[in-house]
Amino acid sequence: MIKTVLIEDEFNALNTLTKLIQYTQKDIEIIATIDNVNDAIVFLKNNTPDLVFMDIELIGGTAFQILETLETINFKIIFTTAFDEFAIKAIKFDTVDYLLKPIDSDELSKCIERFRIGYEKEQHYLKVVDKVVELDKKEAQKTLLIKTTEEQHFLQVDEIIRCQSDGSYTTFHTKRKKIMSARNLKYYENILSEHTFVRIHQSHLINIKYIASVTTNTVVLTGGEKIPLASRKKSYLKQFLNQFQQIQNKK
């Protein structure tokens, strides 16, 4: 749910906005309604909403006074007002949109959709960050049991450079040898995704520690091998690598 705060001092305007949101936006949860500057400052200093609707002229001052008091603004803002002379000043803040009263249902929906697009991208990015942090904790000295048709092999996860699909089989590539397992690539993706492995193509799962460079459609490994990069995986791989590099730089 998208946690939302309504800051509005006009009862009728607040009532209308509340009903419009409740009736048309099922993924938005209104966690507070506030009608004055002081209470708004206190609430926003102690809570972290995702989205805030703000009337500009309020009891005790303006919305700009609230925002200028806060040390950080870690939420998106949709200003609501009957006067458009505030629009230029509103731009300096992290504003999603600017709605003129009386608020039209269609305009509100368009406005929230613009917010939602950015919000979903941000949530995806945060998930990538969390995953990279988690895998960094689990890094390295884990052992993976690989069963072939004839024997069993124990590999240190850190030694695995990449895994390649071969029908219902998977070939493991390490610095020392290749091993073909009787299990498919999806099986090992589920296990190795907890470590530094990313599926960059239908047929390829790679250890990002062995990436030398990334081109438009190819990942080049430290040994010189070129692995195809699926177009739909480019953005995810880029975010994954950036966050991994930031973590490594902090060590």
Protein backbone atom coordinates (compact mmCIF):
# COMPACT_ATOMS: atom_id res chain seq x y z
CA MET A 1 0.00 0.00 0.00
CA ILE A 2 1.09 3.58 -0.73
CA LYS A 3 1.10 5.47 2.59
CA THR A 4 -0.46 8.87 2.01
CA VAL A 5 -1.03 12.02 4.10
CA LEU A 6 -3.59 14.73 3.31
CA ILE A 7 -2.70 18.24 4.55
CA GLU A 8 -5.76 20.40 3.99
CA ASP A 9 -7.56 22.98 6.18
CA GLU A 10 -10.81 23.25 4.21
CA PHE A 11 -13.30 20.65 5.42
CA ASN A 12 -15.20 20.30 2.13
CA ALA A 13 -12.00 20.05 0.08
CA LEU A 14 -10.58 17.44 2.47
CA ASN A 15 -13.80 15.43 2.39
CA THR A 16 -13.91 15.49 -1.43
CA LEU A 17 -10.27 14.49 -1.83
CA THR A 18 -10.61 11.69 0.74
CA LYS A 19 -13.62 10.19 -1.01
CA LEU A 20 -12.05 10.47 -4.48
CA ILE A 21 -8.97 8.60 -3.28
CA GLN A 22 -10.90 5.95 -1.36
CA TYR A 23 -13.28 5.24 -4.23
CA THR A 24 -10.78 5.26 -7.12
CA GLN A 25 -7.34 4.35 -5.73
CA LYS A 26 -7.38 0.97 -4.01
CA ASP A 27 -3.63 0.83 -3.37
CA ILE A 28 -3.51 4.14 -1.47
CA GLU A 29 -3.84 4.16 2.32
CA ILE A 30 -4.57 7.51 3.98
CA ILE A 31 -2.59 7.37 7.22
CA ALA A 32 -3.29 10.92 8.44
CA THR A 33 -5.22 14.10 7.71
CA ILE A 34 -3.79 17.37 9.05
CA ASP A 35 -5.11 20.93 8.85
CA ASN A 36 -2.29 23.13 10.18
CA VAL A 37 1.39 23.86 9.75
CA ASN A 38 2.64 22.95 13.24
CA ASP A 39 0.98 19.53 13.38
CA ALA A 40 2.16 18.79 9.85
CA ILE A 41 5.78 19.55 10.76
CA VAL A 42 5.63 17.31 13.84
CA PHE A 43 4.03 14.45 11.92
CA LEU A 44 6.40 14.56 8.95
CA LYS A 45 9.46 14.68 11.21
CA ASN A 46 8.35 11.48 12.92
CA ASN A 47 6.75 9.50 10.09
CA THR A 48 7.69 8.43 6.56
CA PRO A 49 4.76 8.56 4.15
CA ASP A 50 5.23 7.78 0.47
CA LEU A 51 3.00 10.56 -0.82
CA VAL A 52 1.68 13.82 0.63
CA PHE A 53 -1.16 15.92 -0.77
CA MET A 54 -0.64 19.52 0.40
CA ASP A 55 -2.90 22.49 0.24
CA ILE A 56 -0.60 25.51 0.04
CA GLU A 57 -2.44 27.98 2.28
CA LEU A 58 -3.01 26.39 5.69
CA ILE A 59 -3.83 27.30 9.28
CA GLY A 60 -0.68 28.86 10.71
CA GLY A 61 1.15 29.46 7.44
CA THR A 62 1.85 27.75 4.13
CA ALA A 63 2.98 24.37 2.85
CA PHE A 64 6.31 25.92 1.89
CA GLN A 65 7.01 26.74 5.54
CA ILE A 66 6.49 23.06 6.40
CA LEU A 67 8.90 21.89 3.72
CA GLU A 68 11.54 24.49 4.51
CA THR A 69 11.50 23.38 8.17
CA LEU A 70 12.17 19.71 7.38
CA GLU A 71 15.81 18.62 7.16
CA THR A 72 15.02 16.05 4.48
CA ILE A 73 12.02 15.50 2.23
CA ASN A 74 11.83 11.74 1.70
CA PHE A 75 8.32 11.68 0.24
CA LYS A 76 6.67 12.87 -2.97
CA ILE A 77 4.36 15.87 -2.98
CA ILE A 78 1.19 16.75 -4.85
CA PHE A 79 0.22 20.36 -4.20
CA THR A 80 -3.47 21.27 -4.24
CA THR A 81 -4.70 24.86 -4.35
CA ALA A 82 -7.28 27.15 -5.88
CA PHE A 83 -4.55 29.60 -6.92
CA ASP A 84 -1.96 28.98 -9.63
CA GLU A 85 0.49 31.73 -8.61
CA PHE A 86 2.28 29.22 -6.36
CA ALA A 87 3.16 26.86 -9.20
CA ILE A 88 6.65 28.26 -9.87
CA LYS A 89 7.67 28.11 -6.22
CA ALA A 90 6.35 24.54 -5.98
CA ILE A 91 8.82 23.39 -8.62
CA LYS A 92 11.81 23.80 -6.26
CA PHE A 93 10.50 20.98 -4.08
CA ASP A 94 10.30 17.28 -4.99
CA THR A 95 6.89 17.75 -6.54
CA VAL A 96 5.06 15.03 -8.42
CA ASP A 97 2.27 17.29 -9.57
CA TYR A 98 0.20 20.39 -8.97
CA LEU A 99 -3.61 20.19 -8.90
CA LEU A 100 -5.97 23.13 -9.07
CA LYS A 101 -9.19 23.10 -7.03
CA PRO A 102 -11.88 22.02 -7.47
CA ILE A 103 -10.06 18.74 -8.04
CA ASP A 104 -11.26 16.79 -11.04
CA SER A 105 -11.45 13.00 -10.65
CA ASP A 106 -9.76 12.32 -14.00
CA GLU A 107 -6.96 14.80 -13.29
CA LEU A 108 -6.42 13.23 -9.88
CA SER A 109 -6.16 9.75 -11.42
CA LYS A 110 -3.64 10.96 -14.01
CA CYS A 111 -1.65 12.68 -11.30
CA ILE A 112 -1.51 9.59 -9.09
CA GLU A 113 -0.59 7.40 -12.06
CA ARG A 114 2.42 9.64 -12.75
CA PHE A 115 3.43 9.22 -9.12
CA ARG A 116 2.84 5.46 -9.24
CA ILE A 117 5.19 4.99 -12.22
CA GLY A 118 8.06 6.63 -10.38
CA TYR A 119 7.15 4.91 -7.11
CA GLU A 120 7.23 1.43 -8.66
CA LYS A 121 10.63 2.10 -10.23
CA GLU A 122 11.95 3.26 -6.87
CA GLN A 123 10.57 0.21 -5.07
CA HIS A 124 12.20 -2.07 -7.64
CA TYR A 125 15.50 -0.26 -7.12
CA LEU A 126 15.26 -0.67 -3.33
CA LYS A 127 14.60 -4.39 -3.74
CA VAL A 128 17.75 -4.68 -5.82
CA VAL A 129 19.70 -2.82 -3.13
CA ASP A 130 18.35 -5.11 -0.40
CA LYS A 131 19.24 -8.19 -2.41
CA VAL A 132 22.80 -7.01 -3.04
CA VAL A 133 23.30 -6.21 0.65
CA GLU A 134 21.97 -9.61 1.61
CA LEU A 135 24.06 -11.55 -0.86
CA ASP A 136 27.17 -9.67 0.26
CA LYS A 137 26.58 -10.99 3.78
CA LYS A 138 26.26 -14.55 2.47
CA GLU A 139 29.24 -14.15 0.22
CA ALA A 140 31.98 -16.62 -0.52
CA GLN A 141 32.72 -19.78 1.39
CA LYS A 142 29.57 -21.75 0.66
CA THR A 143 29.75 -25.23 -0.77
CA LEU A 144 27.46 -26.47 -3.52
CA LEU A 145 26.83 -30.15 -4.14
CA ILE A 146 26.56 -30.95 -7.85
CA LYS A 147 25.31 -34.35 -8.92
CA THR A 148 26.28 -35.69 -12.33
CA THR A 149 25.11 -38.94 -13.92
CA GLU A 150 28.16 -40.72 -12.46
CA GLU A 151 29.38 -38.93 -9.36
CA GLN A 152 29.06 -36.01 -6.96
CA HIS A 153 31.16 -32.87 -6.85
CA PHE A 154 31.59 -30.29 -4.11
CA LEU A 155 32.31 -26.77 -5.38
CA GLN A 156 32.98 -23.59 -3.48
CA VAL A 157 30.33 -21.15 -4.75
CA ASP A 158 33.01 -18.48 -5.13
CA GLU A 159 34.87 -20.70 -7.64
CA ILE A 160 31.95 -20.88 -10.05
CA ILE A 161 32.34 -18.43 -12.91
CA ARG A 162 29.12 -19.17 -14.74
CA CYS A 163 26.45 -21.77 -15.42
CA GLN A 164 25.07 -22.56 -18.86
CA SER A 165 21.85 -24.30 -19.75
CA ASP A 166 22.04 -27.36 -21.99
CA GLY A 167 18.44 -28.50 -22.31
CA SER A 168 17.51 -30.14 -19.03
CA TYR A 169 21.19 -30.14 -17.96
CA THR A 170 23.47 -27.41 -16.60
CA THR A 171 27.18 -27.01 -17.26
CA PHE A 172 29.24 -25.37 -14.49
CA HIS A 173 32.33 -23.41 -15.56
CA THR A 174 35.08 -22.88 -13.01
CA LYS A 175 38.70 -21.84 -13.38
CA ARG A 176 39.80 -25.46 -13.16
CA LYS A 177 37.12 -27.54 -14.84
CA LYS A 178 33.66 -27.95 -16.32
CA ILE A 179 30.98 -30.09 -14.71
CA MET A 180 27.66 -31.09 -16.23
CA SER A 181 24.80 -31.55 -13.80
CA ALA A 182 21.64 -33.53 -14.45
CA ARG A 183 19.54 -30.63 -13.09
CA ASN A 184 18.28 -27.66 -15.11
CA LEU A 185 19.48 -24.04 -14.85
CA LYS A 186 16.35 -22.83 -13.05
CA TYR A 187 17.09 -25.17 -10.17
CA TYR A 188 20.54 -23.68 -9.66
CA GLU A 189 19.30 -20.12 -10.22
CA ASN A 190 17.05 -20.51 -7.19
CA ILE A 191 20.04 -21.59 -5.09
CA LEU A 192 22.72 -19.25 -6.41
CA SER A 193 20.59 -16.09 -6.53
CA GLU A 194 21.30 -15.85 -2.80
CA HIS A 195 24.93 -15.26 -3.71
CA THR A 196 26.55 -13.08 -6.40
CA PHE A 197 24.82 -14.70 -9.37
CA VAL A 198 22.53 -13.06 -11.92
CA ARG A 199 20.52 -14.62 -14.74
CA ILE A 200 21.44 -12.44 -17.72
CA HIS A 201 19.99 -14.65 -20.45
CA GLN A 202 17.70 -17.63 -20.83
CA SER A 203 20.74 -19.88 -21.07
CA HIS A 204 23.25 -18.12 -18.80
CA LEU A 205 23.69 -17.53 -15.08
CA ILE A 206 26.87 -15.66 -14.17
CA ASN A 207 28.87 -14.75 -11.09
CA ILE A 208 29.16 -10.95 -11.21
CA LYS A 209 32.57 -11.12 -9.53
CA TYR A 210 33.97 -12.41 -12.82
CA ILE A 211 32.55 -9.64 -15.03
CA ALA A 212 35.22 -7.62 -16.82
CA SER A 213 32.92 -5.36 -18.86
CA VAL A 214 29.41 -5.00 -20.21
CA THR A 215 28.62 -3.90 -23.74
CA THR A 216 25.28 -3.33 -25.45
CA ASN A 217 24.40 -7.00 -25.88
CA THR A 218 27.30 -8.84 -24.27
CA VAL A 219 28.90 -9.48 -20.88
CA VAL A 220 32.66 -10.02 -21.10
CA LEU A 221 34.14 -12.17 -18.33
CA THR A 222 37.61 -11.83 -16.84
CA GLY A 223 38.82 -14.83 -18.85
CA GLY A 224 37.73 -13.19 -22.10
CA GLU A 225 34.54 -15.19 -22.64
CA LYS A 226 31.65 -13.24 -24.16
CA ILE A 227 28.19 -14.12 -22.83
CA PRO A 228 24.99 -12.83 -24.52
CA LEU A 229 22.99 -10.29 -22.50
CA ALA A 230 19.21 -10.32 -22.96
CA SER A 231 17.78 -6.84 -23.55
CA ARG A 232 15.19 -7.24 -20.79
CA LYS A 233 17.98 -7.98 -18.28
CA LYS A 234 20.14 -4.92 -19.00
CA SER A 235 18.57 -2.52 -16.52
CA TYR A 236 18.49 -5.07 -13.70
CA LEU A 237 22.13 -6.06 -14.25
CA LYS A 238 23.22 -2.42 -14.27
CA GLN A 239 21.52 -1.69 -10.96
CA PHE A 240 22.86 -4.90 -9.47
CA LEU A 241 26.44 -4.09 -10.47
CA ASN A 242 26.24 -0.48 -9.28
CA GLN A 243 25.04 -1.45 -5.84
CA PHE A 244 27.54 -4.29 -5.54
CA GLN A 245 30.36 -1.91 -6.44
CA GLN A 246 29.22 0.64 -3.84
CA ILE A 247 29.26 -2.03 -1.16
CA GLN A 248 32.73 -3.17 -2.18
CA ASN A 249 34.03 0.41 -2.11
CA LYS A 250 32.88 0.82 1.48
CA LYS A 251 34.90 -2.17 2.67
